Amino acid sequence: MGDLTKNFSVSEFEQSQVASRHMIDNTILAAENPDWVYLCLSRTAYALQMLRDKVEVARREARSVSILSGYRCIPLNRKIGSFNNSQHVMGEAADIRVQGMSAKEVFEFIYDDQDLRELFDQVILEFGSWVHISVCALPRKQYLIATRERRVIGPPKTVYTPYLNDF
């Protein structure tokens, strides 16, 4: 049972192996503005609950939605090499998987459902492995595919390609 929605809790969004390993306090209570982060997490959890419920109806069985990365405090976000303006820092984003579905199937399920399509700010199929979702007050409705582009010198670069058409 969750404390944000029927199936999602704050602790699921706060979980981080990297934070545990490096003794980083990744709780929203340690955030600069915990009330705002809680409000944003509530909106994100609502969107994920809506996704879970729609998948359950479509597939005729319950499917858990696993949060791989949810809320990230700024020190954790820096540690993993992300930016301070990441929606994860505000509690507006989560990287997810859905039990029994490939990342591509989850991405396309969201894209094909009119209600979900209008709800999300960004939906990114990340390297074919997981789906990044974000919500905000004025959603951009961006659907992107993230891939790695090899470079002659230096580490691979992440490239974001629009999926069909943005709305």
Foldseek 3Di string as FASTA:
>chain_A
DEPLDPAHHQVLQQDDPLCVVVVNRSHLVPAPDSVQLSVLLSLQVVLVVVLQVVCCVVVVHGKDKHFPHFAGDPVRCVVVPHDPPDVSPSRFKTKIDIPPDWQVRSLVVQVVDPVSLQAWQEWECEQRHIIMTGGDPHRQSFYWYWHWADDPDDDTDIDIDTDPDGD
